[in-house]
Amino acid sequence: MPRQLITSGSKFEEKIAYSRAVVVDGWVFVSGTTGYNYETGKISGDIVEQTEQTMINIDKALREAGSSIFEVVRVKYVLPDRNSFPIVWPVLRKWLGDVRPAATMVQAALMLDEMKIEIEVTAKTGSGNYLLR
């Protein structure tokens, strides 16, 4: 299977030389994704809204790769403020509650101060679970 590159249209992809996701050998590796709405180029100041938009962005990349949220096996959350992590748990349960991937949360500064959360996932393709959502 040839390597497939997925783009979101984010200005950062070209500037930093990366892809939103890379598909290889039935695996989808989704880069750290933030809460920018790529249609408007804007990001909410609210961490809950950013988390929801981040999951929408990830879902779109997974679908384009022939996968889905239901095929996520690993997730990494990066937040500048670890104390804000519990605030977004309801959004994460909404998207990943039935999936329950292996997970890690890291506290670290993000590229821009307006970014309040970044999420990275790894998923499989081909199980047919993309039909469920």
N, C-alpha and C. Protein backbone atom coordinates (compact mmCIF):
# COMPACT_ATOMS: atom_id res chain seq x y z
N MET A 1 0.85 -1.18 0.00
CA MET A 1 0.00 0.00 0.00
C MET A 1 0.89 1.24 0.00
N PRO A 2 0.72 2.14 -0.97
CA PRO A 2 1.54 3.34 -1.01
C PRO A 2 1.21 4.30 0.14
N ARG A 3 2.16 5.08 0.51
CA ARG A 3 2.00 6.08 1.57
C ARG A 3 1.04 7.17 1.08
N GLN A 4 0.06 7.52 1.90
CA GLN A 4 -0.93 8.54 1.55
C GLN A 4 -0.82 9.69 2.54
N LEU A 5 -0.77 10.91 2.03
CA LEU A 5 -0.70 12.10 2.87
C LEU A 5 -2.06 12.79 2.88
N ILE A 6 -2.53 13.15 4.06
CA ILE A 6 -3.81 13.83 4.24
C ILE A 6 -3.51 15.25 4.70
N THR A 7 -4.17 16.23 4.08
CA THR A 7 -3.99 17.62 4.50
C THR A 7 -5.32 18.18 4.99
N SER A 8 -5.24 19.17 5.87
CA SER A 8 -6.44 19.82 6.38
C SER A 8 -6.60 21.22 5.81
N GLY A 9 -5.54 21.72 5.21
CA GLY A 9 -5.56 23.10 4.75
C GLY A 9 -5.01 24.06 5.78
N SER A 10 -4.52 23.54 6.89
CA SER A 10 -3.93 24.39 7.92
C SER A 10 -2.69 25.09 7.37
N LYS A 11 -2.55 26.38 7.70
CA LYS A 11 -1.37 27.13 7.26
C LYS A 11 -0.09 26.57 7.85
N PHE A 12 -0.19 25.89 8.99
CA PHE A 12 0.99 25.35 9.65
C PHE A 12 1.59 24.17 8.88
N GLU A 13 0.75 23.42 8.19
CA GLU A 13 1.25 22.24 7.47
C GLU A 13 2.33 22.61 6.46
N GLU A 14 2.08 23.64 5.68
CA GLU A 14 3.07 24.06 4.69
C GLU A 14 4.27 24.72 5.36
N LYS A 15 4.03 25.57 6.35
CA LYS A 15 5.12 26.29 7.00
C LYS A 15 6.09 25.37 7.72
N ILE A 16 5.55 24.31 8.34
CA ILE A 16 6.38 23.45 9.18
C ILE A 16 6.74 22.14 8.47
N ALA A 17 6.17 21.91 7.30
CA ALA A 17 6.46 20.72 6.48
C ALA A 17 5.99 19.42 7.13
N TYR A 18 4.68 19.34 7.36
CA TYR A 18 4.10 18.10 7.87
C TYR A 18 2.73 17.90 7.25
N SER A 19 2.16 16.74 7.47
CA SER A 19 0.81 16.41 7.00
C SER A 19 -0.11 16.26 8.19
N ARG A 20 -1.39 16.56 8.00
CA ARG A 20 -2.37 16.34 9.07
C ARG A 20 -2.37 14.88 9.48
N ALA A 21 -2.29 14.00 8.47
CA ALA A 21 -2.23 12.57 8.76
C ALA A 21 -1.43 11.87 7.67
N VAL A 22 -0.87 10.74 8.04
CA VAL A 22 -0.16 9.89 7.10
C VAL A 22 -0.73 8.48 7.24
N VAL A 23 -1.05 7.87 6.10
CA VAL A 23 -1.58 6.50 6.08
C VAL A 23 -0.50 5.60 5.49
N VAL A 24 -0.17 4.54 6.21
CA VAL A 24 0.81 3.58 5.72
C VAL A 24 0.51 2.21 6.33
N ASP A 25 0.49 1.19 5.47
CA ASP A 25 0.30 -0.20 5.91
C ASP A 25 -0.93 -0.39 6.80
N GLY A 26 -2.02 0.29 6.48
CA GLY A 26 -3.25 0.11 7.23
C GLY A 26 -3.33 0.90 8.53
N TRP A 27 -2.35 1.73 8.78
CA TRP A 27 -2.34 2.58 9.98
C TRP A 27 -2.50 4.03 9.58
N VAL A 28 -3.19 4.79 10.42
CA VAL A 28 -3.35 6.24 10.22
C VAL A 28 -2.72 6.93 11.42
N PHE A 29 -1.76 7.79 11.14
CA PHE A 29 -1.08 8.57 12.17
C PHE A 29 -1.52 10.02 11.99
N VAL A 30 -2.34 10.51 12.93
CA VAL A 30 -2.84 11.88 12.84
C VAL A 30 -1.96 12.77 13.70
N SER A 31 -1.41 13.80 13.09
CA SER A 31 -0.55 14.75 13.79
C SER A 31 -1.29 15.42 14.92
N GLY A 32 -0.51 16.04 15.80
CA GLY A 32 -1.11 16.86 16.84
C GLY A 32 -2.03 17.88 16.19
N THR A 33 -3.27 17.89 16.62
CA THR A 33 -4.32 18.70 16.00
C THR A 33 -4.89 19.65 17.05
N THR A 34 -5.11 20.89 16.65
CA THR A 34 -5.68 21.88 17.57
C THR A 34 -7.08 22.28 17.11
N GLY A 35 -7.66 23.22 17.81
CA GLY A 35 -9.05 23.58 17.61
C GLY A 35 -9.34 24.64 16.59
N TYR A 36 -8.46 24.83 15.62
CA TYR A 36 -8.76 25.79 14.56
C TYR A 36 -9.86 25.25 13.66
N ASN A 37 -10.76 26.12 13.29
CA ASN A 37 -11.74 25.80 12.26
C ASN A 37 -11.05 26.15 10.95
N TYR A 38 -10.71 25.14 10.16
CA TYR A 38 -9.92 25.37 8.95
C TYR A 38 -10.71 26.06 7.85
N GLU A 39 -12.03 26.09 7.96
CA GLU A 39 -12.84 26.82 6.98
C GLU A 39 -12.80 28.32 7.24
N THR A 40 -12.74 28.70 8.53
CA THR A 40 -12.73 30.12 8.87
C THR A 40 -11.34 30.63 9.26
N GLY A 41 -10.44 29.71 9.62
CA GLY A 41 -9.11 30.10 10.08
C GLY A 41 -9.10 30.61 11.51
N LYS A 42 -10.21 30.45 12.22
CA LYS A 42 -10.32 30.98 13.58
C LYS A 42 -10.29 29.87 14.61
N ILE A 43 -9.98 30.29 15.84
CA ILE A 43 -9.97 29.36 16.98
C ILE A 43 -10.70 30.03 18.14
N SER A 44 -11.55 29.28 18.81
CA SER A 44 -12.29 29.79 19.95
C SER A 44 -11.34 30.00 21.13
N GLY A 45 -11.69 30.91 22.00
CA GLY A 45 -10.92 31.11 23.22
C GLY A 45 -11.31 30.14 24.32
N ASP A 46 -12.36 29.35 24.08
CA ASP A 46 -12.90 28.43 25.08
C ASP A 46 -12.31 27.03 24.87
N ILE A 47 -11.76 26.43 25.90
CA ILE A 47 -11.12 25.13 25.77
C ILE A 47 -12.09 24.02 25.39
N VAL A 48 -13.33 24.09 25.86
CA VAL A 48 -14.32 23.07 25.51
C VAL A 48 -14.64 23.16 24.01
N GLU A 49 -14.85 24.36 23.51
CA GLU A 49 -15.11 24.54 22.08
C GLU A 49 -13.89 24.14 21.25
N GLN A 50 -12.69 24.46 21.73
CA GLN A 50 -11.48 24.04 21.02
C GLN A 50 -11.38 22.52 20.95
N THR A 51 -11.72 21.86 22.04
CA THR A 51 -11.63 20.40 22.07
C THR A 51 -12.63 19.78 21.10
N GLU A 52 -13.83 20.30 21.07
CA GLU A 52 -14.84 19.79 20.12
C GLU A 52 -14.37 19.99 18.68
N GLN A 53 -13.85 21.17 18.36
CA GLN A 53 -13.37 21.43 17.01
C GLN A 53 -12.16 20.55 16.68
N THR A 54 -11.31 20.32 17.65
CA THR A 54 -10.16 19.44 17.45
C THR A 54 -10.63 18.05 17.07
N MET A 55 -11.62 17.54 17.77
CA MET A 55 -12.14 16.20 17.47
C MET A 55 -12.83 16.18 16.11
N ILE A 56 -13.50 17.24 15.74
CA ILE A 56 -14.10 17.34 14.39
C ILE A 56 -12.99 17.28 13.33
N ASN A 57 -11.89 18.01 13.57
CA ASN A 57 -10.77 18.01 12.63
C ASN A 57 -10.13 16.62 12.52
N ILE A 58 -9.99 15.95 13.63
CA ILE A 58 -9.42 14.59 13.63
C ILE A 58 -10.35 13.63 12.91
N ASP A 59 -11.65 13.72 13.21
CA ASP A 59 -12.63 12.86 12.56
C ASP A 59 -12.58 13.03 11.04
N LYS A 60 -12.47 14.25 10.59
CA LYS A 60 -12.41 14.52 9.14
C LYS A 60 -11.17 13.88 8.52
N ALA A 61 -10.02 14.02 9.18
CA ALA A 61 -8.79 13.42 8.66
C ALA A 61 -8.90 11.89 8.63
N LEU A 62 -9.46 11.30 9.68
CA LEU A 62 -9.61 9.85 9.73
C LEU A 62 -10.52 9.35 8.62
N ARG A 63 -11.63 10.05 8.40
CA ARG A 63 -12.55 9.65 7.34
C ARG A 63 -11.88 9.72 5.97
N GLU A 64 -11.12 10.78 5.75
CA GLU A 64 -10.42 10.92 4.47
C GLU A 64 -9.41 9.79 4.28
N ALA A 65 -8.89 9.29 5.38
CA ALA A 65 -7.92 8.20 5.34
C ALA A 65 -8.58 6.82 5.25
N GLY A 66 -9.92 6.78 5.26
CA GLY A 66 -10.61 5.49 5.21
C GLY A 66 -10.73 4.83 6.56
N SER A 67 -10.69 5.63 7.61
CA SER A 67 -10.78 5.13 8.97
C SER A 67 -11.89 5.90 9.69
N SER A 68 -11.90 5.83 11.01
CA SER A 68 -12.88 6.59 11.79
C SER A 68 -12.45 6.67 13.24
N ILE A 69 -13.16 7.46 13.99
CA ILE A 69 -12.93 7.56 15.44
C ILE A 69 -12.99 6.18 16.07
N PHE A 70 -13.87 5.31 15.56
CA PHE A 70 -14.04 3.98 16.14
C PHE A 70 -12.83 3.07 15.94
N GLU A 71 -11.89 3.49 15.13
CA GLU A 71 -10.70 2.68 14.89
C GLU A 71 -9.46 3.26 15.59
N VAL A 72 -9.65 4.28 16.42
CA VAL A 72 -8.54 4.88 17.16
C VAL A 72 -8.06 3.90 18.23
N VAL A 73 -6.74 3.67 18.26
CA VAL A 73 -6.17 2.77 19.26
C VAL A 73 -5.28 3.50 20.27
N ARG A 74 -4.87 4.71 19.93
CA ARG A 74 -3.98 5.48 20.79
C ARG A 74 -4.31 6.95 20.66
N VAL A 75 -4.28 7.67 21.80
CA VAL A 75 -4.51 9.11 21.80
C VAL A 75 -3.55 9.77 22.77
N LYS A 76 -3.06 10.95 22.37
CA LYS A 76 -2.21 11.75 23.25
C LYS A 76 -2.80 13.14 23.34
N TYR A 77 -2.99 13.60 24.56
CA TYR A 77 -3.50 14.94 24.83
C TYR A 77 -2.35 15.79 25.33
N VAL A 78 -2.21 16.99 24.78
CA VAL A 78 -1.20 17.93 25.25
C VAL A 78 -1.93 19.22 25.63
N LEU A 79 -1.74 19.63 26.88
CA LEU A 79 -2.38 20.85 27.38
C LEU A 79 -1.35 21.71 28.10
N PRO A 80 -1.39 23.02 27.89
CA PRO A 80 -0.48 23.91 28.62
C PRO A 80 -0.79 23.94 30.12
N ASP A 81 -2.06 23.69 30.48
CA ASP A 81 -2.48 23.73 31.88
C ASP A 81 -3.17 22.41 32.22
N ARG A 82 -2.48 21.56 32.96
CA ARG A 82 -3.05 20.25 33.29
C ARG A 82 -4.34 20.37 34.08
N ASN A 83 -4.54 21.47 34.79
CA ASN A 83 -5.76 21.65 35.59
C ASN A 83 -7.00 21.84 34.72
N SER A 84 -6.81 22.16 33.45
CA SER A 84 -7.97 22.34 32.57
C SER A 84 -8.40 21.01 31.92
N PHE A 85 -7.62 19.95 32.09
CA PHE A 85 -7.95 18.67 31.46
C PHE A 85 -9.32 18.15 31.88
N PRO A 86 -9.69 18.15 33.18
CA PRO A 86 -11.02 17.64 33.55
C PRO A 86 -12.18 18.40 32.90
N ILE A 87 -11.96 19.64 32.55
CA ILE A 87 -13.01 20.45 31.94
C ILE A 87 -13.45 19.86 30.59
N VAL A 88 -12.52 19.22 29.87
CA VAL A 88 -12.83 18.70 28.53
C VAL A 88 -13.22 17.22 28.53
N TRP A 89 -13.20 16.58 29.68
CA TRP A 89 -13.54 15.15 29.73
C TRP A 89 -14.90 14.83 29.12
N PRO A 90 -15.94 15.65 29.33
CA PRO A 90 -17.22 15.32 28.69
C PRO A 90 -17.13 15.28 27.16
N VAL A 91 -16.36 16.17 26.56
CA VAL A 91 -16.19 16.15 25.10
C VAL A 91 -15.44 14.88 24.68
N LEU A 92 -14.41 14.55 25.42
CA LEU A 92 -13.63 13.36 25.09
C LEU A 92 -14.46 12.09 25.25
N ARG A 93 -15.30 12.02 26.28
CA ARG A 93 -16.20 10.87 26.46
C ARG A 93 -17.19 10.78 25.30
N LYS A 94 -17.69 11.92 24.86
CA LYS A 94 -18.62 11.94 23.73
C LYS A 94 -18.00 11.29 22.51
N TRP A 95 -16.76 11.63 22.21
CA TRP A 95 -16.10 11.14 21.00
C TRP A 95 -15.44 9.78 21.17
N LEU A 96 -14.89 9.51 22.35
CA LEU A 96 -14.07 8.31 22.53
C LEU A 96 -14.58 7.35 23.60
N GLY A 97 -15.73 7.65 24.18
CA GLY A 97 -16.25 6.84 25.27
C GLY A 97 -16.48 5.39 24.92
N ASP A 98 -16.92 5.12 23.69
CA ASP A 98 -17.14 3.74 23.26
C ASP A 98 -15.87 3.09 22.72
N VAL A 99 -14.86 3.90 22.45
CA VAL A 99 -13.63 3.43 21.82
C VAL A 99 -12.58 3.05 22.86
N ARG A 100 -12.43 3.91 23.85
CA ARG A 100 -11.50 3.73 24.96
C ARG A 100 -10.09 3.35 24.52
N PRO A 101 -9.46 4.23 23.72
CA PRO A 101 -8.09 3.95 23.27
C PRO A 101 -7.09 4.09 24.42
N ALA A 102 -5.91 3.54 24.24
CA ALA A 102 -4.81 3.80 25.16
C ALA A 102 -4.54 5.31 25.10
N ALA A 103 -4.25 5.92 26.25
CA ALA A 103 -4.17 7.39 26.28
C ALA A 103 -3.03 7.89 27.16
N THR A 104 -2.54 9.07 26.79
CA THR A 104 -1.53 9.78 27.56
C THR A 104 -1.90 11.25 27.58
N MET A 105 -1.71 11.91 28.73
CA MET A 105 -1.89 13.35 28.82
C MET A 105 -0.57 13.96 29.25
N VAL A 106 -0.14 14.99 28.52
CA VAL A 106 1.12 15.67 28.80
C VAL A 106 0.84 17.15 28.99
N GLN A 107 1.50 17.74 29.97
CA GLN A 107 1.43 19.19 30.12
C GLN A 107 2.65 19.78 29.46
N ALA A 108 2.42 20.67 28.49
CA ALA A 108 3.52 21.33 27.77
C ALA A 108 2.98 22.58 27.09
N ALA A 109 3.84 23.54 26.89
CA ALA A 109 3.45 24.74 26.14
C ALA A 109 3.16 24.34 24.70
N LEU A 110 2.16 24.97 24.10
CA LEU A 110 1.84 24.73 22.70
C LEU A 110 2.42 25.87 21.86
N MET A 111 2.36 25.72 20.55
CA MET A 111 3.04 26.65 19.65
C MET A 111 2.57 28.10 19.82
N LEU A 112 1.26 28.29 20.00
CA LEU A 112 0.71 29.64 20.19
C LEU A 112 -0.10 29.65 21.49
N ASP A 113 -0.10 30.78 22.18
CA ASP A 113 -0.81 30.89 23.45
C ASP A 113 -2.32 30.67 23.30
N GLU A 114 -2.87 30.97 22.12
CA GLU A 114 -4.31 30.79 21.92
C GLU A 114 -4.72 29.32 21.88
N MET A 115 -3.77 28.43 21.67
CA MET A 115 -4.05 26.99 21.63
C MET A 115 -4.11 26.46 23.06
N LYS A 116 -5.23 25.84 23.40
CA LYS A 116 -5.43 25.35 24.76
C LYS A 116 -5.36 23.82 24.86
N ILE A 117 -5.41 23.13 23.72
CA ILE A 117 -5.30 21.68 23.71
C ILE A 117 -4.82 21.23 22.33
N GLU A 118 -4.04 20.18 22.32
CA GLU A 118 -3.61 19.54 21.08
C GLU A 118 -3.80 18.04 21.27
N ILE A 119 -4.35 17.39 20.26
CA ILE A 119 -4.64 15.95 20.35
C ILE A 119 -4.03 15.25 19.15
N GLU A 120 -3.39 14.12 19.41
CA GLU A 120 -2.78 13.28 18.38
C GLU A 120 -3.38 11.88 18.52
N VAL A 121 -3.70 11.24 17.40
CA VAL A 121 -4.24 9.88 17.46
C VAL A 121 -3.57 8.95 16.46
N THR A 122 -3.64 7.67 16.76
CA THR A 122 -3.24 6.61 15.85
C THR A 122 -4.45 5.70 15.69
N ALA A 123 -4.74 5.31 14.45
CA ALA A 123 -5.91 4.47 14.17
C ALA A 123 -5.57 3.43 13.11
N LYS A 124 -6.40 2.40 13.03
CA LYS A 124 -6.30 1.39 11.98
C LYS A 124 -7.28 1.74 10.87
N THR A 125 -7.11 1.09 9.74
CA THR A 125 -8.09 1.19 8.66
C THR A 125 -8.57 -0.21 8.35
N GLY A 126 -9.72 -0.28 7.71
CA GLY A 126 -10.17 -1.54 7.16
C GLY A 126 -11.03 -2.42 8.03
N SER A 127 -11.35 -2.00 9.25
CA SER A 127 -12.18 -2.86 10.09
C SER A 127 -13.66 -2.70 9.77
N GLY A 128 -13.99 -1.66 9.01
CA GLY A 128 -15.39 -1.40 8.71
C GLY A 128 -16.08 -0.56 9.76
N ASN A 129 -15.38 -0.24 10.86
CA ASN A 129 -15.98 0.54 11.92
C ASN A 129 -16.27 1.98 11.52
N TYR A 130 -15.72 2.42 10.40
CA TYR A 130 -16.00 3.80 9.96
C TYR A 130 -17.46 3.96 9.58
N LEU A 131 -18.17 2.87 9.38
CA LEU A 131 -19.58 2.93 9.02
C LEU A 131 -20.48 3.24 10.22
N LEU A 132 -19.94 3.15 11.44
CA LEU A 132 -20.76 3.28 12.62
C LEU A 132 -21.13 4.71 12.99
N ARG A 133 -20.35 5.69 12.62
CA ARG A 133 -20.64 7.07 13.04
C ARG A 133 -21.30 7.84 11.94
